[in-house]
Amino acid sequence: MMTYFTEQGTAVPATVIALEEGNYVTMVKTTATDGYDAVQVGYKVVAERKVRKPELGHLKKSNCPPMKHLREFKLVDSSKVSEYQAGQQLDISSILKEGDKIDIAGTTVGKGFQGTIKRYGMKRGAMTHGSKSHREHGSTGPGTTPGRTFPGLKMAGHMGAQRRKCRSLQVLKVDAERGAIVVKGSVPGKAGNILEIAPAKIVGVNC
């Protein structure tokens, strides 16, 4: 993250998102052919040997270069399906403008196997005076009745590395020459993560 100064001189927390080579439309789905309207987009151009042959044939059919990531975005407005064609490269400057609200989804930072104190914010026991419970999670349920542990109990386990979405983030700047956009606030994951960017879903406006 970084500090971004607006034209009014206000310092706001921001994140710079780089745009690598890609963002090609690899497939267009319509209600007539697939039952719903959607656009499949490919990202991150790589060597052919790094793409599976079925996917490689799918991309060649659309006259697209070999790409590592394919994602599908559903379209609420059926009239916008005609704006996209297979093999078309998306122009970020024509899609996003300064001040737009967007939703950004990605994979959060993995924390590994963690206890309940770090994973769920539970309180620890006394660290002195003969206490035998320092960072243990405590009881897991009653004894004879029901004689089992209920599903969904908060216990130690794998933390992080989950898909999360940050909603209604404001676009502060779109730099098409450098291939980057600046958004207000933080985004899921760490540097180098792949992010999915879509227009913000606003009730009564576009959803």
C-alpha atoms as a PDB file:
ATOM      1  CA  MET A   1       0.000   0.000   0.000  1.00  0.00           C
ATOM      2  CA  MET A   2       0.951   3.631  -0.312  1.00  0.00           C
ATOM      3  CA  THR A   3      -0.196   7.150   0.506  1.00  0.00           C
ATOM      4  CA  TYR A   4      -1.976   8.897  -2.348  1.00  0.00           C
ATOM      5  CA  PHE A   5      -2.547  12.649  -2.375  1.00  0.00           C
ATOM      6  CA  THR A   6      -5.720  13.824  -4.102  1.00  0.00           C
ATOM      7  CA  GLU A   7      -6.065  17.096  -6.001  1.00  0.00           C
ATOM      8  CA  GLN A   8      -7.554  18.633  -2.850  1.00  0.00           C
ATOM      9  CA  GLY A   9      -4.409  17.666  -0.922  1.00  0.00           C
ATOM     10  CA  THR A  10      -6.055  14.892   1.109  1.00  0.00           C
ATOM     11  CA  ALA A  11      -3.811  11.931   1.940  1.00  0.00           C
ATOM     12  CA  VAL A  12      -5.648   8.618   1.508  1.00  0.00           C
ATOM     13  CA  PRO A  13      -4.434   4.996   1.780  1.00  0.00           C
ATOM     14  CA  ALA A  14      -4.195   3.414  -1.654  1.00  0.00           C
ATOM     15  CA  THR A  15      -3.065   0.306  -3.499  1.00  0.00           C
ATOM     16  CA  VAL A  16      -1.442   0.206  -6.940  1.00  0.00           C
ATOM     17  CA  ILE A  17      -2.597  -2.682  -9.142  1.00  0.00           C
ATOM     18  CA  ALA A  18      -0.420  -3.578 -12.130  1.00  0.00           C
ATOM     19  CA  LEU A  19      -1.961  -4.824 -15.367  1.00  0.00           C
ATOM     20  CA  GLU A  20       0.094  -7.459 -17.172  1.00  0.00           C
ATOM     21  CA  GLU A  21      -0.306  -8.513 -20.787  1.00  0.00           C
ATOM     22  CA  GLY A  22      -3.653 -10.184 -21.361  1.00  0.00           C
ATOM     23  CA  ASN A  23      -7.290  -9.290 -20.648  1.00  0.00           C
ATOM     24  CA  TYR A  24      -8.522 -10.905 -23.865  1.00  0.00           C
ATOM     25  CA  VAL A  25     -12.121 -11.996 -24.354  1.00  0.00           C
ATOM     26  CA  THR A  26     -11.822 -15.752 -24.877  1.00  0.00           C
ATOM     27  CA  MET A  27     -15.530 -16.642 -25.040  1.00  0.00           C
ATOM     28  CA  VAL A  28     -18.917 -14.930 -25.140  1.00  0.00           C
ATOM     29  CA  LYS A  29     -21.919 -16.780 -23.703  1.00  0.00           C
ATOM     30  CA  THR A  30     -25.497 -15.817 -24.524  1.00  0.00           C
ATOM     31  CA  THR A  31     -28.920 -16.836 -23.299  1.00  0.00           C
ATOM     32  CA  ALA A  32     -29.660 -18.517 -26.625  1.00  0.00           C
ATOM     33  CA  THR A  33     -26.613 -20.787 -26.550  1.00  0.00           C
ATOM     34  CA  ASP A  34     -25.796 -21.253 -22.848  1.00  0.00           C
ATOM     35  CA  GLY A  35     -28.858 -20.114 -20.916  1.00  0.00           C
ATOM     36  CA  TYR A  36     -27.210 -17.002 -19.493  1.00  0.00           C
ATOM     37  CA  ASP A  37     -25.108 -14.020 -20.573  1.00  0.00           C
ATOM     38  CA  ALA A  38     -21.446 -13.953 -19.636  1.00  0.00           C
ATOM     39  CA  VAL A  39     -17.980 -13.036 -20.880  1.00  0.00           C
ATOM     40  CA  GLN A  40     -14.922 -15.222 -20.315  1.00  0.00           C
ATOM     41  CA  VAL A  41     -11.684 -13.251 -19.956  1.00  0.00           C
ATOM     42  CA  GLY A  42      -8.103 -14.546 -20.113  1.00  0.00           C
ATOM     43  CA  TYR A  43      -5.147 -13.004 -18.308  1.00  0.00           C
ATOM     44  CA  LYS A  44      -1.343 -13.274 -18.104  1.00  0.00           C
ATOM     45  CA  VAL A  45       0.194 -14.358 -21.408  1.00  0.00           C
ATOM     46  CA  VAL A  46       2.632 -17.271 -20.957  1.00  0.00           C
ATOM     47  CA  ALA A  47       4.486 -19.798 -23.091  1.00  0.00           C
ATOM     48  CA  GLU A  48       2.436 -22.546 -24.746  1.00  0.00           C
ATOM     49  CA  ARG A  49       4.131 -25.261 -22.685  1.00  0.00           C
ATOM     50  CA  LYS A  50       2.629 -23.761 -19.520  1.00  0.00           C
ATOM     51  CA  VAL A  51      -0.970 -24.171 -20.710  1.00  0.00           C
ATOM     52  CA  ARG A  52      -2.879 -27.457 -20.882  1.00  0.00           C
ATOM     53  CA  LYS A  53      -3.630 -28.620 -24.416  1.00  0.00           C
ATOM     54  CA  PRO A  54      -7.461 -28.496 -24.046  1.00  0.00           C
ATOM     55  CA  GLU A  55      -7.239 -24.876 -22.849  1.00  0.00           C
ATOM     56  CA  LEU A  56      -4.690 -24.104 -25.552  1.00  0.00           C
ATOM     57  CA  GLY A  57      -7.097 -25.328 -28.231  1.00  0.00           C
ATOM     58  CA  HIS A  58      -9.890 -23.293 -26.655  1.00  0.00           C
ATOM     59  CA  LEU A  59      -7.734 -20.142 -26.820  1.00  0.00           C
ATOM     60  CA  LYS A  60      -6.588 -20.760 -30.400  1.00  0.00           C
ATOM     61  CA  LYS A  61     -10.213 -21.064 -31.459  1.00  0.00           C
ATOM     62  CA  SER A  62     -10.720 -17.471 -30.264  1.00  0.00           C
ATOM     63  CA  ASN A  63      -7.426 -16.268 -31.833  1.00  0.00           C
ATOM     64  CA  CYS A  64      -6.043 -15.505 -28.375  1.00  0.00           C
ATOM     65  CA  PRO A  65      -2.471 -16.008 -27.132  1.00  0.00           C
ATOM     66  CA  PRO A  66      -1.825 -18.707 -24.489  1.00  0.00           C
ATOM     67  CA  MET A  67      -2.884 -17.351 -21.085  1.00  0.00           C
ATOM     68  CA  LYS A  68      -2.629 -18.818 -17.621  1.00  0.00           C
ATOM     69  CA  HIS A  69      -5.862 -17.602 -16.021  1.00  0.00           C
ATOM     70  CA  LEU A  70      -9.447 -17.770 -17.320  1.00  0.00           C
ATOM     71  CA  ARG A  71     -12.351 -16.155 -15.472  1.00  0.00           C
ATOM     72  CA  GLU A  72     -16.012 -15.703 -16.309  1.00  0.00           C
ATOM     73  CA  PHE A  73     -18.020 -12.564 -15.586  1.00  0.00           C
ATOM     74  CA  LYS A  74     -21.804 -12.663 -15.816  1.00  0.00           C
ATOM     75  CA  LEU A  75     -23.639  -9.799 -17.502  1.00  0.00           C
ATOM     76  CA  VAL A  76     -26.855  -8.497 -15.970  1.00  0.00           C
ATOM     77  CA  ASP A  77     -27.752  -6.383 -18.989  1.00  0.00           C
ATOM     78  CA  SER A  78     -28.283  -8.606 -22.049  1.00  0.00           C
ATOM     79  CA  SER A  79     -27.881  -5.661 -24.402  1.00  0.00           C
ATOM     80  CA  LYS A  80     -24.164  -5.388 -23.547  1.00  0.00           C
ATOM     81  CA  VAL A  81     -23.343  -8.862 -24.861  1.00  0.00           C
ATOM     82  CA  SER A  82     -22.995  -7.499 -28.395  1.00  0.00           C
ATOM     83  CA  GLU A  83     -20.195  -5.182 -27.212  1.00  0.00           C
ATOM     84  CA  TYR A  84     -17.827  -8.124 -26.738  1.00  0.00           C
ATOM     85  CA  GLN A  85     -16.331 -10.483 -29.299  1.00  0.00           C
ATOM     86  CA  ALA A  86     -13.976 -13.442 -28.943  1.00  0.00           C
ATOM     87  CA  GLY A  87     -10.362 -12.321 -29.401  1.00  0.00           C
ATOM     88  CA  GLN A  88     -11.080  -8.730 -28.359  1.00  0.00           C
ATOM     89  CA  GLN A  89      -8.594  -7.123 -25.970  1.00  0.00           C
ATOM     90  CA  LEU A  90     -10.190  -5.080 -23.202  1.00  0.00           C
ATOM     91  CA  ASP A  91      -9.070  -1.476 -22.814  1.00  0.00           C
ATOM     92  CA  ILE A  92      -8.884  -0.543 -19.142  1.00  0.00           C
ATOM     93  CA  SER A  93      -9.122   3.198 -19.821  1.00  0.00           C
ATOM     94  CA  SER A  94     -12.480   2.779 -21.575  1.00  0.00           C
ATOM     95  CA  ILE A  95     -13.900   0.542 -18.823  1.00  0.00           C
ATOM     96  CA  LEU A  96     -12.783   2.354 -15.661  1.00  0.00           C
ATOM     97  CA  LYS A  97     -12.746   6.049 -14.879  1.00  0.00           C
ATOM     98  CA  GLU A  98     -11.571   8.012 -11.863  1.00  0.00           C
ATOM     99  CA  GLY A  99     -14.208   7.971  -9.137  1.00  0.00           C
ATOM    100  CA  ASP A 100     -15.797   4.673 -10.216  1.00  0.00           C
ATOM    101  CA  LYS A 101     -16.723   2.089  -7.594  1.00  0.00           C
ATOM    102  CA  ILE A 102     -15.391  -1.438  -8.164  1.00  0.00           C
ATOM    103  CA  ASP A 103     -15.379  -4.829  -6.437  1.00  0.00           C
ATOM    104  CA  ILE A 104     -12.005  -6.567  -6.127  1.00  0.00           C
ATOM    105  CA  ALA A 105     -11.783 -10.299  -5.332  1.00  0.00           C
ATOM    106  CA  GLY A 106      -8.680 -12.328  -4.584  1.00  0.00           C
ATOM    107  CA  THR A 107      -7.034 -14.892  -2.312  1.00  0.00           C
ATOM    108  CA  THR A 108      -6.058 -13.682   1.149  1.00  0.00           C
ATOM    109  CA  VAL A 109      -2.615 -14.166   2.648  1.00  0.00           C
ATOM    110  CA  GLY A 110      -2.121 -17.705   3.998  1.00  0.00           C
ATOM    111  CA  LYS A 111      -1.240 -17.899   7.702  1.00  0.00           C
ATOM    112  CA  GLY A 112      -0.752 -21.666   7.981  1.00  0.00           C
ATOM    113  CA  PHE A 113      -2.043 -23.750  10.911  1.00  0.00           C
ATOM    114  CA  GLN A 114      -3.044 -21.377  13.714  1.00  0.00           C
ATOM    115  CA  GLY A 115      -4.663 -21.678  17.125  1.00  0.00           C
ATOM    116  CA  THR A 116      -8.007 -20.241  18.185  1.00  0.00           C
ATOM    117  CA  ILE A 117      -6.485 -17.106  19.746  1.00  0.00           C
ATOM    118  CA  LYS A 118      -5.038 -15.871  16.462  1.00  0.00           C
ATOM    119  CA  ARG A 119      -7.665 -17.467  14.218  1.00  0.00           C
ATOM    120  CA  TYR A 120     -10.812 -16.313  16.049  1.00  0.00           C
ATOM    121  CA  GLY A 121      -9.576 -13.800  18.619  1.00  0.00           C
ATOM    122  CA  MET A 122     -10.393 -15.970  21.658  1.00  0.00           C
ATOM    123  CA  LYS A 123      -9.027 -14.997  25.076  1.00  0.00           C
ATOM    124  CA  ARG A 124      -6.158 -16.891  26.660  1.00  0.00           C
ATOM    125  CA  GLY A 125      -5.920 -18.238  30.183  1.00  0.00           C
ATOM    126  CA  ALA A 126      -3.743 -16.990  33.015  1.00  0.00           C
ATOM    127  CA  MET A 127      -0.022 -17.259  32.270  1.00  0.00           C
ATOM    128  CA  THR A 128       1.020 -17.533  35.956  1.00  0.00           C
ATOM    129  CA  HIS A 129      -0.249 -18.696  39.375  1.00  0.00           C
ATOM    130  CA  GLY A 130      -0.140 -22.382  38.449  1.00  0.00           C
ATOM    131  CA  SER A 131      -2.475 -22.132  35.474  1.00  0.00           C
ATOM    132  CA  LYS A 132      -2.386 -25.152  33.162  1.00  0.00           C
ATOM    133  CA  SER A 133      -4.378 -23.375  30.404  1.00  0.00           C
ATOM    134  CA  HIS A 134      -2.396 -20.698  28.628  1.00  0.00           C
ATOM    135  CA  ARG A 135      -3.384 -20.723  24.958  1.00  0.00           C
ATOM    136  CA  GLU A 136      -5.623 -23.805  24.839  1.00  0.00           C
ATOM    137  CA  HIS A 137      -9.069 -23.434  23.274  1.00  0.00           C
ATOM    138  CA  GLY A 138     -10.927 -24.912  26.247  1.00  0.00           C
ATOM    139  CA  SER A 139     -13.891 -27.269  26.246  1.00  0.00           C
ATOM    140  CA  THR A 140     -15.098 -28.745  22.949  1.00  0.00           C
ATOM    141  CA  GLY A 141     -18.573 -29.679  24.243  1.00  0.00           C
ATOM    142  CA  PRO A 142     -20.544 -31.557  26.946  1.00  0.00           C
ATOM    143  CA  GLY A 143     -19.730 -35.135  28.006  1.00  0.00           C
ATOM    144  CA  THR A 144     -22.302 -37.924  28.083  1.00  0.00           C
ATOM    145  CA  THR A 145     -25.027 -35.881  26.434  1.00  0.00           C
ATOM    146  CA  PRO A 146     -24.697 -35.497  23.493  1.00  0.00           C
ATOM    147  CA  GLY A 147     -21.370 -37.300  23.702  1.00  0.00           C
ATOM    148  CA  ARG A 148     -19.983 -35.695  20.566  1.00  0.00           C
ATOM    149  CA  THR A 149     -18.588 -32.439  19.239  1.00  0.00           C
ATOM    150  CA  PHE A 150     -21.040 -30.282  17.318  1.00  0.00           C
ATOM    151  CA  PRO A 151     -20.148 -29.450  13.690  1.00  0.00           C
ATOM    152  CA  GLY A 152     -18.828 -25.957  13.084  1.00  0.00           C
ATOM    153  CA  LEU A 153     -17.031 -25.651  16.424  1.00  0.00           C
ATOM    154  CA  LYS A 154     -14.303 -23.028  16.341  1.00  0.00           C
ATOM    155  CA  MET A 155     -11.014 -24.880  16.745  1.00  0.00           C
ATOM    156  CA  ALA A 156      -7.410 -24.608  15.572  1.00  0.00           C
ATOM    157  CA  GLY A 157      -6.840 -25.074  11.858  1.00  0.00           C
ATOM    158  CA  HIS A 158      -5.688 -23.589   8.581  1.00  0.00           C
ATOM    159  CA  MET A 159      -6.006 -19.810   8.514  1.00  0.00           C
ATOM    160  CA  GLY A 160      -6.130 -17.545   5.479  1.00  0.00           C
ATOM    161  CA  ALA A 161      -5.655 -18.508   1.795  1.00  0.00           C
ATOM    162  CA  GLN A 162      -9.380 -17.987   1.162  1.00  0.00           C
ATOM    163  CA  ARG A 163     -11.255 -16.092  -1.525  1.00  0.00           C
ATOM    164  CA  ARG A 164     -12.419 -12.708  -0.292  1.00  0.00           C
ATOM    165  CA  LYS A 165     -13.993  -9.696  -1.983  1.00  0.00           C
ATOM    166  CA  CYS A 166     -13.535  -6.026  -1.083  1.00  0.00           C
ATOM    167  CA  ARG A 167     -16.626  -4.125  -2.165  1.00  0.00           C
ATOM    168  CA  SER A 168     -17.123  -0.579  -3.451  1.00  0.00           C
ATOM    169  CA  LEU A 169     -13.505   0.511  -3.637  1.00  0.00           C
ATOM    170  CA  GLN A 170     -13.001   3.890  -5.281  1.00  0.00           C
ATOM    171  CA  VAL A 171     -10.746   4.236  -8.329  1.00  0.00           C
ATOM    172  CA  LEU A 172      -8.311   7.080  -7.688  1.00  0.00           C
ATOM    173  CA  LYS A 173      -6.331   6.944 -10.930  1.00  0.00           C
ATOM    174  CA  VAL A 174      -6.177   4.985 -14.190  1.00  0.00           C
ATOM    175  CA  ASP A 175      -2.741   5.023 -15.872  1.00  0.00           C
ATOM    176  CA  ALA A 176      -3.076   3.290 -19.239  1.00  0.00           C
ATOM    177  CA  GLU A 177       0.487   4.139 -20.309  1.00  0.00           C
ATOM    178  CA  ARG A 178       2.075   2.427 -17.313  1.00  0.00           C
ATOM    179  CA  GLY A 179      -0.590  -0.269 -17.184  1.00  0.00           C
ATOM    180  CA  ALA A 180      -1.742   0.352 -13.624  1.00  0.00           C
ATOM    181  CA  ILE A 181      -4.700   1.554 -11.615  1.00  0.00           C
ATOM    182  CA  VAL A 182      -4.766   3.090  -8.130  1.00  0.00           C
ATOM    183  CA  VAL A 183      -7.642   2.214  -5.787  1.00  0.00           C
ATOM    184  CA  LYS A 184      -8.509   3.574  -2.371  1.00  0.00           C
ATOM    185  CA  GLY A 185      -7.922   1.157   0.503  1.00  0.00           C
ATOM    186  CA  SER A 186      -6.511  -2.354   0.640  1.00  0.00           C
ATOM    187  CA  VAL A 187      -7.144  -5.408  -1.552  1.00  0.00           C
ATOM    188  CA  PRO A 188      -7.072  -9.134  -0.713  1.00  0.00           C
ATOM    189  CA  GLY A 189      -3.768 -10.996  -0.742  1.00  0.00           C
ATOM    190  CA  LYS A 190      -0.152  -9.945  -1.062  1.00  0.00           C
ATOM    191  CA  ALA A 191       2.058  -8.562  -3.823  1.00  0.00           C
ATOM    192  CA  GLY A 192       1.933 -10.735  -6.922  1.00  0.00           C
ATOM    193  CA  ASN A 193      -1.597 -12.056  -6.361  1.00  0.00           C
ATOM    194  CA  ILE A 194      -4.108 -12.270  -9.202  1.00  0.00           C
ATOM    195  CA  LEU A 195      -7.165 -10.061  -8.632  1.00  0.00           C
ATOM    196  CA  GLU A 196     -10.596 -10.009 -10.255  1.00  0.00           C
ATOM    197  CA  ILE A 197     -11.952  -6.507 -10.838  1.00  0.00           C
ATOM    198  CA  ALA A 198     -15.586  -5.861 -11.679  1.00  0.00           C
ATOM    199  CA  PRO A 199     -18.026  -2.934 -11.376  1.00  0.00           C
ATOM    200  CA  ALA A 200     -19.403  -2.632  -7.854  1.00  0.00           C
ATOM    201  CA  LYS A 201     -22.753  -4.304  -7.282  1.00  0.00           C
ATOM    202  CA  ILE A 202     -25.157  -1.640  -6.022  1.00  0.00           C
ATOM    203  CA  VAL A 203     -28.670  -2.684  -5.067  1.00  0.00           C
ATOM    204  CA  GLY A 204     -31.231  -0.990  -7.264  1.00  0.00           C
ATOM    205  CA  VAL A 205     -28.634   0.148  -9.802  1.00  0.00           C
ATOM    206  CA  ASN A 206     -27.040  -2.891 -11.426  1.00  0.00           C
ATOM    207  CA  CYS A 207     -28.257  -5.851  -9.375  1.00  0.00           C
END
